[in-house]
Amino acid sequence: MSQALVVLSGGQDSTTCLYWALDRFGAGQVEAVTFDYGQRHRIELDCAARIAAQAGTPQTVLPIDTFAVLGGNALTESGIAVQAGVDAQTRLPNTFVPGRNLIFLTFAAALAYQRGFRNVVTGVTQTDYSGYPDCRQAAIQALEQTLRLGMEYAITIHTPLMFKSKADTVRLARVLG
């Protein structure tokens, strides 16, 4: 049976993806990876640990403090308040962390490779995306192709929520239990 590594932030989307992976790949075939990237909402890390434990899923926490050093966004810099809408110049929300999902998925693929897994699952969604370019299907497909070229074997990136609304994600979570 195939094995999968789920990017688990501790939020609704990634939790739904964890249970999607357990349903698809089976208990004992799924692990979680959580990234400590200097996020202001440290409770996410605690939530991810509790969710992984409740699901009976091993979890690895990888520290990536580079984002905090780069700064310039409301997710990692305490001096920047989260604002509604998008910046007039960049047309992005101030919570956008440049390349965050691409970097997370690259590290997740490297960890999956080390574990001998061929599947990575992430909760990115293009439908309700917050203006984050690295949540678009085209970006994920391009990264998957790049990883395929850079690894000994192909690692598939699964995005079960890519075209689901928040309401659809909640419905899926209920179905999965």
N, C-alpha and C. Protein backbone atom coordinates (compact mmCIF):
# COMPACT_ATOMS: atom_id res chain seq x y z
N MET A 1 0.84 -1.19 0.00
CA MET A 1 0.00 0.00 0.00
C MET A 1 0.88 1.24 0.00
N SER A 2 0.39 2.26 -0.66
CA SER A 2 1.11 3.52 -0.74
C SER A 2 1.03 4.27 0.58
N GLN A 3 2.03 5.09 0.85
CA GLN A 3 2.05 5.88 2.08
C GLN A 3 2.02 7.35 1.73
N ALA A 4 1.53 8.15 2.69
CA ALA A 4 1.37 9.59 2.43
C ALA A 4 1.84 10.41 3.62
N LEU A 5 2.37 11.58 3.29
CA LEU A 5 2.76 12.57 4.28
C LEU A 5 1.84 13.77 4.12
N VAL A 6 1.17 14.17 5.20
CA VAL A 6 0.21 15.27 5.16
C VAL A 6 0.83 16.51 5.80
N VAL A 7 0.74 17.64 5.10
CA VAL A 7 1.16 18.92 5.67
C VAL A 7 0.04 19.35 6.61
N LEU A 8 0.32 19.34 7.92
CA LEU A 8 -0.69 19.59 8.94
C LEU A 8 -0.39 20.87 9.70
N SER A 9 -1.21 21.90 9.47
CA SER A 9 -1.01 23.18 10.17
C SER A 9 -1.77 23.25 11.48
N GLY A 10 -2.80 22.43 11.61
CA GLY A 10 -3.65 22.49 12.78
C GLY A 10 -4.97 23.17 12.51
N GLY A 11 -5.16 23.65 11.30
CA GLY A 11 -6.41 24.31 10.92
C GLY A 11 -7.40 23.34 10.28
N GLN A 12 -8.56 23.89 9.93
CA GLN A 12 -9.64 23.08 9.36
C GLN A 12 -9.23 22.36 8.08
N ASP A 13 -8.61 23.08 7.16
CA ASP A 13 -8.29 22.49 5.86
C ASP A 13 -7.29 21.34 5.99
N SER A 14 -6.22 21.56 6.72
CA SER A 14 -5.20 20.51 6.83
C SER A 14 -5.71 19.33 7.66
N THR A 15 -6.58 19.59 8.63
CA THR A 15 -7.16 18.49 9.41
C THR A 15 -8.06 17.64 8.52
N THR A 16 -8.85 18.29 7.69
CA THR A 16 -9.69 17.56 6.73
C THR A 16 -8.81 16.73 5.81
N CYS A 17 -7.69 17.29 5.37
CA CYS A 17 -6.78 16.54 4.50
C CYS A 17 -6.15 15.35 5.21
N LEU A 18 -5.86 15.50 6.50
CA LEU A 18 -5.32 14.37 7.26
C LEU A 18 -6.31 13.22 7.26
N TYR A 19 -7.57 13.52 7.53
CA TYR A 19 -8.58 12.46 7.55
C TYR A 19 -8.89 11.94 6.15
N TRP A 20 -8.77 12.79 5.14
CA TRP A 20 -8.90 12.35 3.75
C TRP A 20 -7.80 11.33 3.44
N ALA A 21 -6.58 11.64 3.86
CA ALA A 21 -5.45 10.73 3.61
C ALA A 21 -5.61 9.42 4.37
N LEU A 22 -6.07 9.49 5.61
CA LEU A 22 -6.31 8.26 6.38
C LEU A 22 -7.36 7.39 5.69
N ASP A 23 -8.39 8.02 5.15
CA ASP A 23 -9.44 7.30 4.44
C ASP A 23 -8.90 6.70 3.14
N ARG A 24 -8.08 7.45 2.44
CA ARG A 24 -7.58 7.00 1.14
C ARG A 24 -6.43 6.01 1.24
N PHE A 25 -5.48 6.26 2.15
CA PHE A 25 -4.28 5.44 2.23
C PHE A 25 -4.31 4.42 3.36
N GLY A 26 -5.15 4.65 4.36
CA GLY A 26 -5.30 3.71 5.45
C GLY A 26 -4.52 4.08 6.70
N ALA A 27 -5.07 3.65 7.84
CA ALA A 27 -4.39 3.87 9.12
C ALA A 27 -3.04 3.18 9.09
N GLY A 28 -2.06 3.82 9.68
CA GLY A 28 -0.71 3.26 9.69
C GLY A 28 0.08 3.57 8.43
N GLN A 29 -0.56 4.20 7.47
CA GLN A 29 0.10 4.53 6.20
C GLN A 29 0.29 6.03 6.03
N VAL A 30 -0.08 6.79 7.05
CA VAL A 30 -0.07 8.25 6.95
C VAL A 30 0.74 8.84 8.09
N GLU A 31 1.56 9.84 7.76
CA GLU A 31 2.28 10.62 8.75
C GLU A 31 1.98 12.09 8.49
N ALA A 32 2.25 12.93 9.48
CA ALA A 32 2.02 14.37 9.34
C ALA A 32 3.33 15.12 9.51
N VAL A 33 3.43 16.24 8.81
CA VAL A 33 4.55 17.16 9.01
C VAL A 33 3.97 18.54 9.28
N THR A 34 4.50 19.18 10.29
CA THR A 34 4.07 20.52 10.68
C THR A 34 5.29 21.42 10.64
N PHE A 35 5.10 22.63 10.15
CA PHE A 35 6.22 23.57 10.02
C PHE A 35 6.12 24.67 11.06
N ASP A 36 7.19 24.83 11.81
CA ASP A 36 7.33 25.93 12.75
C ASP A 36 8.13 27.00 12.02
N TYR A 37 7.40 27.96 11.45
CA TYR A 37 8.05 28.97 10.61
C TYR A 37 8.05 30.34 11.28
N GLY A 38 7.91 30.34 12.59
CA GLY A 38 7.89 31.60 13.31
C GLY A 38 6.54 32.28 13.27
N GLN A 39 5.49 31.51 13.02
CA GLN A 39 4.15 32.08 12.94
C GLN A 39 3.75 32.69 14.28
N ARG A 40 3.04 33.79 14.20
CA ARG A 40 2.60 34.49 15.41
C ARG A 40 1.59 33.66 16.19
N HIS A 41 0.76 32.93 15.51
CA HIS A 41 -0.27 32.13 16.16
C HIS A 41 0.31 30.76 16.50
N ARG A 42 1.08 30.74 17.58
CA ARG A 42 1.79 29.53 18.00
C ARG A 42 0.83 28.41 18.40
N ILE A 43 -0.41 28.78 18.68
CA ILE A 43 -1.40 27.77 19.05
C ILE A 43 -1.61 26.76 17.92
N GLU A 44 -1.33 27.18 16.68
CA GLU A 44 -1.44 26.27 15.54
C GLU A 44 -0.58 25.03 15.76
N LEU A 45 0.61 25.22 16.30
CA LEU A 45 1.52 24.09 16.53
C LEU A 45 0.94 23.13 17.57
N ASP A 46 0.35 23.68 18.62
CA ASP A 46 -0.28 22.85 19.65
C ASP A 46 -1.48 22.10 19.08
N CYS A 47 -2.28 22.79 18.29
CA CYS A 47 -3.45 22.15 17.66
C CYS A 47 -3.02 21.02 16.74
N ALA A 48 -2.00 21.25 15.94
CA ALA A 48 -1.52 20.22 15.02
C ALA A 48 -1.06 18.99 15.79
N ALA A 49 -0.35 19.19 16.89
CA ALA A 49 0.12 18.07 17.70
C ALA A 49 -1.06 17.28 18.28
N ARG A 50 -2.06 17.99 18.77
CA ARG A 50 -3.24 17.31 19.34
C ARG A 50 -4.01 16.55 18.26
N ILE A 51 -4.16 17.16 17.10
CA ILE A 51 -4.90 16.52 16.01
C ILE A 51 -4.18 15.27 15.54
N ALA A 52 -2.87 15.35 15.36
CA ALA A 52 -2.09 14.18 14.94
C ALA A 52 -2.21 13.07 15.97
N ALA A 53 -2.11 13.42 17.25
CA ALA A 53 -2.21 12.41 18.32
C ALA A 53 -3.60 11.77 18.32
N GLN A 54 -4.65 12.59 18.19
CA GLN A 54 -6.02 12.05 18.19
C GLN A 54 -6.25 11.13 16.99
N ALA A 55 -5.60 11.43 15.88
CA ALA A 55 -5.75 10.60 14.68
C ALA A 55 -4.83 9.38 14.71
N GLY A 56 -3.96 9.31 15.71
CA GLY A 56 -3.01 8.19 15.79
C GLY A 56 -1.97 8.25 14.70
N THR A 57 -1.61 9.46 14.31
CA THR A 57 -0.69 9.69 13.20
C THR A 57 0.63 10.25 13.71
N PRO A 58 1.76 9.62 13.38
CA PRO A 58 3.05 10.21 13.76
C PRO A 58 3.20 11.60 13.14
N GLN A 59 3.83 12.49 13.88
CA GLN A 59 4.01 13.87 13.42
C GLN A 59 5.46 14.27 13.57
N THR A 60 5.97 14.94 12.56
CA THR A 60 7.30 15.55 12.60
C THR A 60 7.11 17.06 12.52
N VAL A 61 7.80 17.80 13.38
CA VAL A 61 7.77 19.26 13.31
C VAL A 61 9.12 19.72 12.76
N LEU A 62 9.07 20.44 11.66
CA LEU A 62 10.30 20.96 11.05
C LEU A 62 10.38 22.47 11.28
N PRO A 63 11.48 22.93 11.87
CA PRO A 63 11.66 24.37 12.07
C PRO A 63 12.18 25.05 10.81
N ILE A 64 11.52 26.09 10.40
CA ILE A 64 11.97 26.90 9.27
C ILE A 64 11.85 28.35 9.69
N ASP A 65 12.88 28.88 10.31
CA ASP A 65 12.80 30.23 10.85
C ASP A 65 13.14 31.32 9.83
N THR A 66 13.42 30.93 8.63
CA THR A 66 13.80 31.89 7.59
C THR A 66 12.69 32.90 7.31
N PHE A 67 11.44 32.47 7.35
CA PHE A 67 10.33 33.38 7.06
C PHE A 67 10.29 34.54 8.04
N ALA A 68 10.56 34.26 9.30
CA ALA A 68 10.57 35.32 10.31
C ALA A 68 11.69 36.32 10.03
N VAL A 69 12.81 35.83 9.53
CA VAL A 69 13.93 36.71 9.19
C VAL A 69 13.57 37.59 8.00
N LEU A 70 12.88 37.01 7.02
CA LEU A 70 12.49 37.78 5.83
C LEU A 70 11.45 38.84 6.17
N GLY A 71 10.54 38.51 7.08
CA GLY A 71 9.53 39.47 7.55
C GLY A 71 8.64 40.00 6.45
N GLY A 72 8.01 41.14 6.74
CA GLY A 72 7.19 41.82 5.75
C GLY A 72 5.78 41.29 5.61
N ASN A 73 5.31 40.46 6.55
CA ASN A 73 3.95 39.94 6.46
C ASN A 73 3.34 39.81 7.85
N ALA A 74 2.03 39.80 7.89
CA ALA A 74 1.31 39.79 9.16
C ALA A 74 1.32 38.44 9.86
N LEU A 75 1.71 37.37 9.17
CA LEU A 75 1.74 36.06 9.82
C LEU A 75 2.97 35.85 10.68
N THR A 76 4.07 36.51 10.34
CA THR A 76 5.31 36.28 11.09
C THR A 76 5.82 37.51 11.82
N GLU A 77 5.30 38.69 11.51
CA GLU A 77 5.80 39.92 12.12
C GLU A 77 4.76 40.52 13.06
N SER A 78 5.09 40.58 14.34
CA SER A 78 4.12 41.05 15.33
C SER A 78 3.75 42.53 15.15
N GLY A 79 4.59 43.30 14.51
CA GLY A 79 4.31 44.72 14.31
C GLY A 79 3.37 45.01 13.16
N ILE A 80 2.95 43.99 12.44
CA ILE A 80 2.05 44.18 11.30
C ILE A 80 0.69 43.57 11.65
N ALA A 81 -0.33 44.40 11.66
CA ALA A 81 -1.69 43.92 11.95
C ALA A 81 -2.30 43.30 10.69
N VAL A 82 -3.04 42.23 10.88
CA VAL A 82 -3.74 41.60 9.76
C VAL A 82 -4.81 42.57 9.27
N GLN A 83 -4.80 42.81 7.95
CA GLN A 83 -5.76 43.73 7.35
C GLN A 83 -6.67 42.99 6.38
N ALA A 84 -7.90 43.41 6.32
CA ALA A 84 -8.84 42.85 5.35
C ALA A 84 -8.47 43.38 3.96
N GLY A 85 -8.77 42.60 2.95
CA GLY A 85 -8.52 43.04 1.58
C GLY A 85 -7.09 42.84 1.15
N VAL A 86 -6.76 43.49 0.04
CA VAL A 86 -5.44 43.33 -0.55
C VAL A 86 -4.72 44.67 -0.64
N ASP A 87 -3.41 44.59 -0.72
CA ASP A 87 -2.57 45.78 -0.87
C ASP A 87 -2.77 46.32 -2.28
N ALA A 88 -2.92 47.62 -2.41
CA ALA A 88 -3.17 48.24 -3.72
C ALA A 88 -2.03 48.00 -4.70
N GLN A 89 -0.79 47.98 -4.21
CA GLN A 89 0.36 47.78 -5.10
C GLN A 89 0.56 46.32 -5.48
N THR A 90 0.62 45.45 -4.47
CA THR A 90 0.94 44.05 -4.74
C THR A 90 -0.28 43.23 -5.13
N ARG A 91 -1.47 43.73 -4.77
CA ARG A 91 -2.73 43.02 -5.00
C ARG A 91 -2.77 41.70 -4.23
N LEU A 92 -2.03 41.65 -3.12
CA LEU A 92 -1.99 40.48 -2.25
C LEU A 92 -2.37 40.89 -0.83
N PRO A 93 -2.94 39.97 -0.06
CA PRO A 93 -3.21 40.29 1.34
C PRO A 93 -1.90 40.41 2.12
N ASN A 94 -1.92 41.13 3.23
CA ASN A 94 -0.67 41.30 3.98
C ASN A 94 -0.31 40.07 4.80
N THR A 95 -1.11 39.02 4.69
CA THR A 95 -0.78 37.74 5.31
C THR A 95 0.00 36.83 4.35
N PHE A 96 0.22 37.29 3.13
CA PHE A 96 0.96 36.47 2.17
C PHE A 96 2.42 36.37 2.58
N VAL A 97 2.89 35.12 2.71
CA VAL A 97 4.29 34.84 3.00
C VAL A 97 4.87 34.30 1.70
N PRO A 98 5.70 35.06 0.99
CA PRO A 98 6.18 34.66 -0.33
C PRO A 98 6.80 33.27 -0.35
N GLY A 99 6.23 32.41 -1.18
CA GLY A 99 6.78 31.08 -1.39
C GLY A 99 6.54 30.08 -0.27
N ARG A 100 5.79 30.45 0.74
CA ARG A 100 5.62 29.58 1.91
C ARG A 100 5.13 28.18 1.54
N ASN A 101 4.05 28.09 0.79
CA ASN A 101 3.52 26.77 0.46
C ASN A 101 4.47 25.98 -0.43
N LEU A 102 5.15 26.67 -1.33
CA LEU A 102 6.11 25.98 -2.19
C LEU A 102 7.28 25.42 -1.38
N ILE A 103 7.73 26.20 -0.41
CA ILE A 103 8.84 25.74 0.44
C ILE A 103 8.36 24.61 1.34
N PHE A 104 7.18 24.75 1.93
CA PHE A 104 6.64 23.67 2.76
C PHE A 104 6.55 22.38 1.97
N LEU A 105 6.02 22.47 0.76
CA LEU A 105 5.85 21.27 -0.05
C LEU A 105 7.18 20.67 -0.49
N THR A 106 8.17 21.52 -0.72
CA THR A 106 9.50 21.01 -1.07
C THR A 106 10.11 20.25 0.11
N PHE A 107 10.01 20.83 1.31
CA PHE A 107 10.50 20.12 2.50
C PHE A 107 9.68 18.86 2.76
N ALA A 108 8.38 18.94 2.57
CA ALA A 108 7.53 17.76 2.77
C ALA A 108 7.91 16.66 1.79
N ALA A 109 8.17 17.03 0.54
CA ALA A 109 8.58 16.03 -0.45
C ALA A 109 9.92 15.40 -0.09
N ALA A 110 10.85 16.21 0.42
CA ALA A 110 12.15 15.67 0.84
C ALA A 110 11.97 14.69 2.00
N LEU A 111 11.11 15.03 2.96
CA LEU A 111 10.85 14.13 4.08
C LEU A 111 10.13 12.87 3.60
N ALA A 112 9.16 13.04 2.71
CA ALA A 112 8.45 11.88 2.15
C ALA A 112 9.45 10.97 1.44
N TYR A 113 10.33 11.55 0.68
CA TYR A 113 11.35 10.77 -0.03
C TYR A 113 12.20 9.97 0.97
N GLN A 114 12.64 10.62 2.03
CA GLN A 114 13.45 9.94 3.05
C GLN A 114 12.68 8.79 3.69
N ARG A 115 11.37 8.93 3.78
CA ARG A 115 10.54 7.88 4.39
C ARG A 115 10.15 6.80 3.38
N GLY A 116 10.44 7.05 2.10
CA GLY A 116 10.03 6.11 1.06
C GLY A 116 8.58 6.28 0.63
N PHE A 117 7.98 7.41 0.99
CA PHE A 117 6.59 7.70 0.62
C PHE A 117 6.57 8.30 -0.79
N ARG A 118 5.47 8.10 -1.47
CA ARG A 118 5.32 8.66 -2.81
C ARG A 118 4.20 9.69 -2.91
N ASN A 119 3.62 10.04 -1.77
CA ASN A 119 2.47 10.95 -1.77
C ASN A 119 2.62 12.02 -0.69
N VAL A 120 2.32 13.26 -1.07
CA VAL A 120 2.24 14.38 -0.14
C VAL A 120 0.85 14.97 -0.30
N VAL A 121 0.21 15.28 0.82
CA VAL A 121 -1.14 15.83 0.80
C VAL A 121 -1.11 17.21 1.44
N THR A 122 -1.75 18.17 0.77
CA THR A 122 -1.80 19.54 1.29
C THR A 122 -3.20 20.11 1.13
N GLY A 123 -3.55 21.04 2.00
CA GLY A 123 -4.88 21.63 2.00
C GLY A 123 -5.02 22.93 1.25
N VAL A 124 -4.12 23.21 0.33
CA VAL A 124 -4.26 24.45 -0.44
C VAL A 124 -5.54 24.39 -1.27
N THR A 125 -6.13 25.56 -1.46
CA THR A 125 -7.37 25.63 -2.23
C THR A 125 -7.37 26.88 -3.10
N GLN A 126 -7.69 26.70 -4.34
CA GLN A 126 -7.74 27.82 -5.28
C GLN A 126 -9.09 28.52 -5.21
N THR A 127 -10.13 27.80 -4.85
CA THR A 127 -11.48 28.35 -4.85
C THR A 127 -11.63 29.51 -3.88
N ASP A 128 -11.26 29.27 -2.63
CA ASP A 128 -11.39 30.30 -1.60
C ASP A 128 -10.04 30.91 -1.26
N TYR A 129 -9.07 30.75 -2.14
CA TYR A 129 -7.72 31.19 -1.79
C TYR A 129 -7.71 32.66 -1.49
N SER A 130 -6.84 33.04 -0.62
CA SER A 130 -6.79 34.42 -0.12
C SER A 130 -5.94 35.32 -1.00
N GLY A 131 -5.80 34.97 -2.25
CA GLY A 131 -4.95 35.76 -3.12
C GLY A 131 -3.51 35.26 -3.12
N TYR A 132 -3.28 34.11 -2.50
CA TYR A 132 -1.92 33.56 -2.44
C TYR A 132 -1.60 32.85 -3.75
N PRO A 133 -0.61 33.33 -4.50
CA PRO A 133 -0.27 32.70 -5.77
C PRO A 133 0.17 31.24 -5.63
N ASP A 134 0.75 30.89 -4.48
CA ASP A 134 1.24 29.52 -4.32
C ASP A 134 0.16 28.54 -3.87
N CYS A 135 -1.10 28.98 -3.91
CA CYS A 135 -2.24 28.08 -3.66
C CYS A 135 -2.94 27.70 -4.96
N ARG A 136 -2.48 28.23 -6.06
CA ARG A 136 -3.12 27.95 -7.35
C ARG A 136 -2.69 26.60 -7.89
N GLN A 137 -3.60 25.95 -8.59
CA GLN A 137 -3.31 24.64 -9.16
C GLN A 137 -2.08 24.68 -10.07
N ALA A 138 -1.94 25.72 -10.87
CA ALA A 138 -0.80 25.80 -11.79
C ALA A 138 0.53 25.81 -11.02
N ALA A 139 0.58 26.51 -9.89
CA ALA A 139 1.81 26.56 -9.08
C ALA A 139 2.11 25.19 -8.49
N ILE A 140 1.09 24.50 -7.99
CA ILE A 140 1.29 23.18 -7.40
C ILE A 140 1.71 22.18 -8.47
N GLN A 141 1.09 22.23 -9.63
CA GLN A 141 1.47 21.31 -10.72
C GLN A 141 2.90 21.56 -11.18
N ALA A 142 3.30 22.82 -11.27
CA ALA A 142 4.67 23.15 -11.67
C ALA A 142 5.67 22.64 -10.63
N LEU A 143 5.34 22.80 -9.35
CA LEU A 143 6.23 22.30 -8.31
C LEU A 143 6.31 20.78 -8.35
N GLU A 144 5.18 20.13 -8.54
CA GLU A 144 5.18 18.66 -8.62
C GLU A 144 6.08 18.18 -9.75
N GLN A 145 6.02 18.85 -10.89
CA GLN A 145 6.89 18.49 -12.02
C GLN A 145 8.36 18.74 -11.67
N THR A 146 8.65 19.84 -11.02
CA THR A 146 10.02 20.15 -10.61
C THR A 146 10.54 19.09 -9.65
N LEU A 147 9.72 18.71 -8.68
CA LEU A 147 10.13 17.67 -7.73
C LEU A 147 10.35 16.34 -8.43
N ARG A 148 9.51 16.06 -9.41
CA ARG A 148 9.65 14.82 -10.18
C ARG A 148 11.00 14.79 -10.89
N LEU A 149 11.43 15.94 -11.39
CA LEU A 149 12.73 16.01 -12.08
C LEU A 149 13.90 15.93 -11.10
N GLY A 150 13.68 16.37 -9.87
CA GLY A 150 14.76 16.43 -8.90
C GLY A 150 14.85 15.27 -7.94
N MET A 151 13.94 14.33 -8.03
CA MET A 151 13.95 13.17 -7.14
C MET A 151 14.19 11.91 -7.96
N GLU A 152 14.55 10.86 -7.28
CA GLU A 152 14.79 9.58 -7.95
C GLU A 152 13.49 8.98 -8.47
N TYR A 153 12.39 9.28 -7.79
CA TYR A 153 11.08 8.80 -8.23
C TYR A 153 10.05 9.91 -8.02
N ALA A 154 8.93 9.74 -8.70
CA ALA A 154 7.88 10.77 -8.64
C ALA A 154 7.18 10.78 -7.29
N ILE A 155 6.96 11.96 -6.78
CA ILE A 155 6.15 12.16 -5.58
C ILE A 155 4.92 12.96 -6.03
N THR A 156 3.76 12.41 -5.77
CA THR A 156 2.51 13.05 -6.17
C THR A 156 2.04 13.99 -5.06
N ILE A 157 1.68 15.21 -5.44
CA ILE A 157 1.11 16.16 -4.50
C ILE A 157 -0.40 16.12 -4.67
N HIS A 158 -1.09 15.68 -3.62
CA HIS A 158 -2.55 15.61 -3.63
C HIS A 158 -3.12 16.88 -3.03
N THR A 159 -4.09 17.46 -3.70
CA THR A 159 -4.75 18.69 -3.23
C THR A 159 -6.26 18.46 -3.22
N PRO A 160 -6.75 17.66 -2.27
CA PRO A 160 -8.17 17.28 -2.30
C PRO A 160 -9.14 18.44 -2.13
N LEU A 161 -8.66 19.59 -1.68
CA LEU A 161 -9.55 20.74 -1.47
C LEU A 161 -9.40 21.81 -2.55
N MET A 162 -8.59 21.56 -3.56
CA MET A 162 -8.21 22.58 -4.53
C MET A 162 -9.40 23.39 -5.05
N PHE A 163 -10.49 22.74 -5.39
CA PHE A 163 -11.63 23.45 -5.97
C PHE A 163 -12.87 23.38 -5.08
N LYS A 164 -12.65 23.21 -3.79
CA LYS A 164 -13.76 23.16 -2.84
C LYS A 164 -13.90 24.49 -2.11
N SER A 165 -15.13 24.89 -1.89
CA SER A 165 -15.39 26.07 -1.06
C SER A 165 -15.23 25.66 0.40
N LYS A 166 -15.24 26.63 1.30
CA LYS A 166 -15.18 26.31 2.74
C LYS A 166 -16.36 25.43 3.13
N ALA A 167 -17.53 25.73 2.59
CA ALA A 167 -18.71 24.92 2.91
C ALA A 167 -18.52 23.48 2.44
N ASP A 168 -17.96 23.30 1.24
CA ASP A 168 -17.69 21.95 0.73
C ASP A 168 -16.66 21.23 1.59
N THR A 169 -15.67 21.97 2.08
CA THR A 169 -14.64 21.38 2.94
C THR A 169 -15.26 20.92 4.26
N VAL A 170 -16.15 21.72 4.81
CA VAL A 170 -16.83 21.33 6.06
C VAL A 170 -17.67 20.08 5.82
N ARG A 171 -18.36 20.01 4.69
CA ARG A 171 -19.16 18.83 4.37
C ARG A 171 -18.27 17.60 4.24
N LEU A 172 -17.12 17.75 3.57
CA LEU A 172 -16.19 16.63 3.44
C LEU A 172 -15.68 16.19 4.81
N ALA A 173 -15.35 17.14 5.66
CA ALA A 173 -14.87 16.82 7.01
C ALA A 173 -15.92 16.01 7.77
N ARG A 174 -17.17 16.39 7.62
CA ARG A 174 -18.25 15.65 8.31
C ARG A 174 -18.36 14.23 7.78
N VAL A 175 -18.25 14.06 6.48
CA VAL A 175 -18.31 12.73 5.88
C VAL A 175 -17.16 11.86 6.39
N LEU A 176 -15.98 12.46 6.51
CA LEU A 176 -14.79 11.72 6.95
C LEU A 176 -14.79 11.46 8.45
N GLY A 177 -15.67 12.15 9.18
CA GLY A 177 -15.77 11.92 10.63
C GLY A 177 -14.94 12.85 11.42
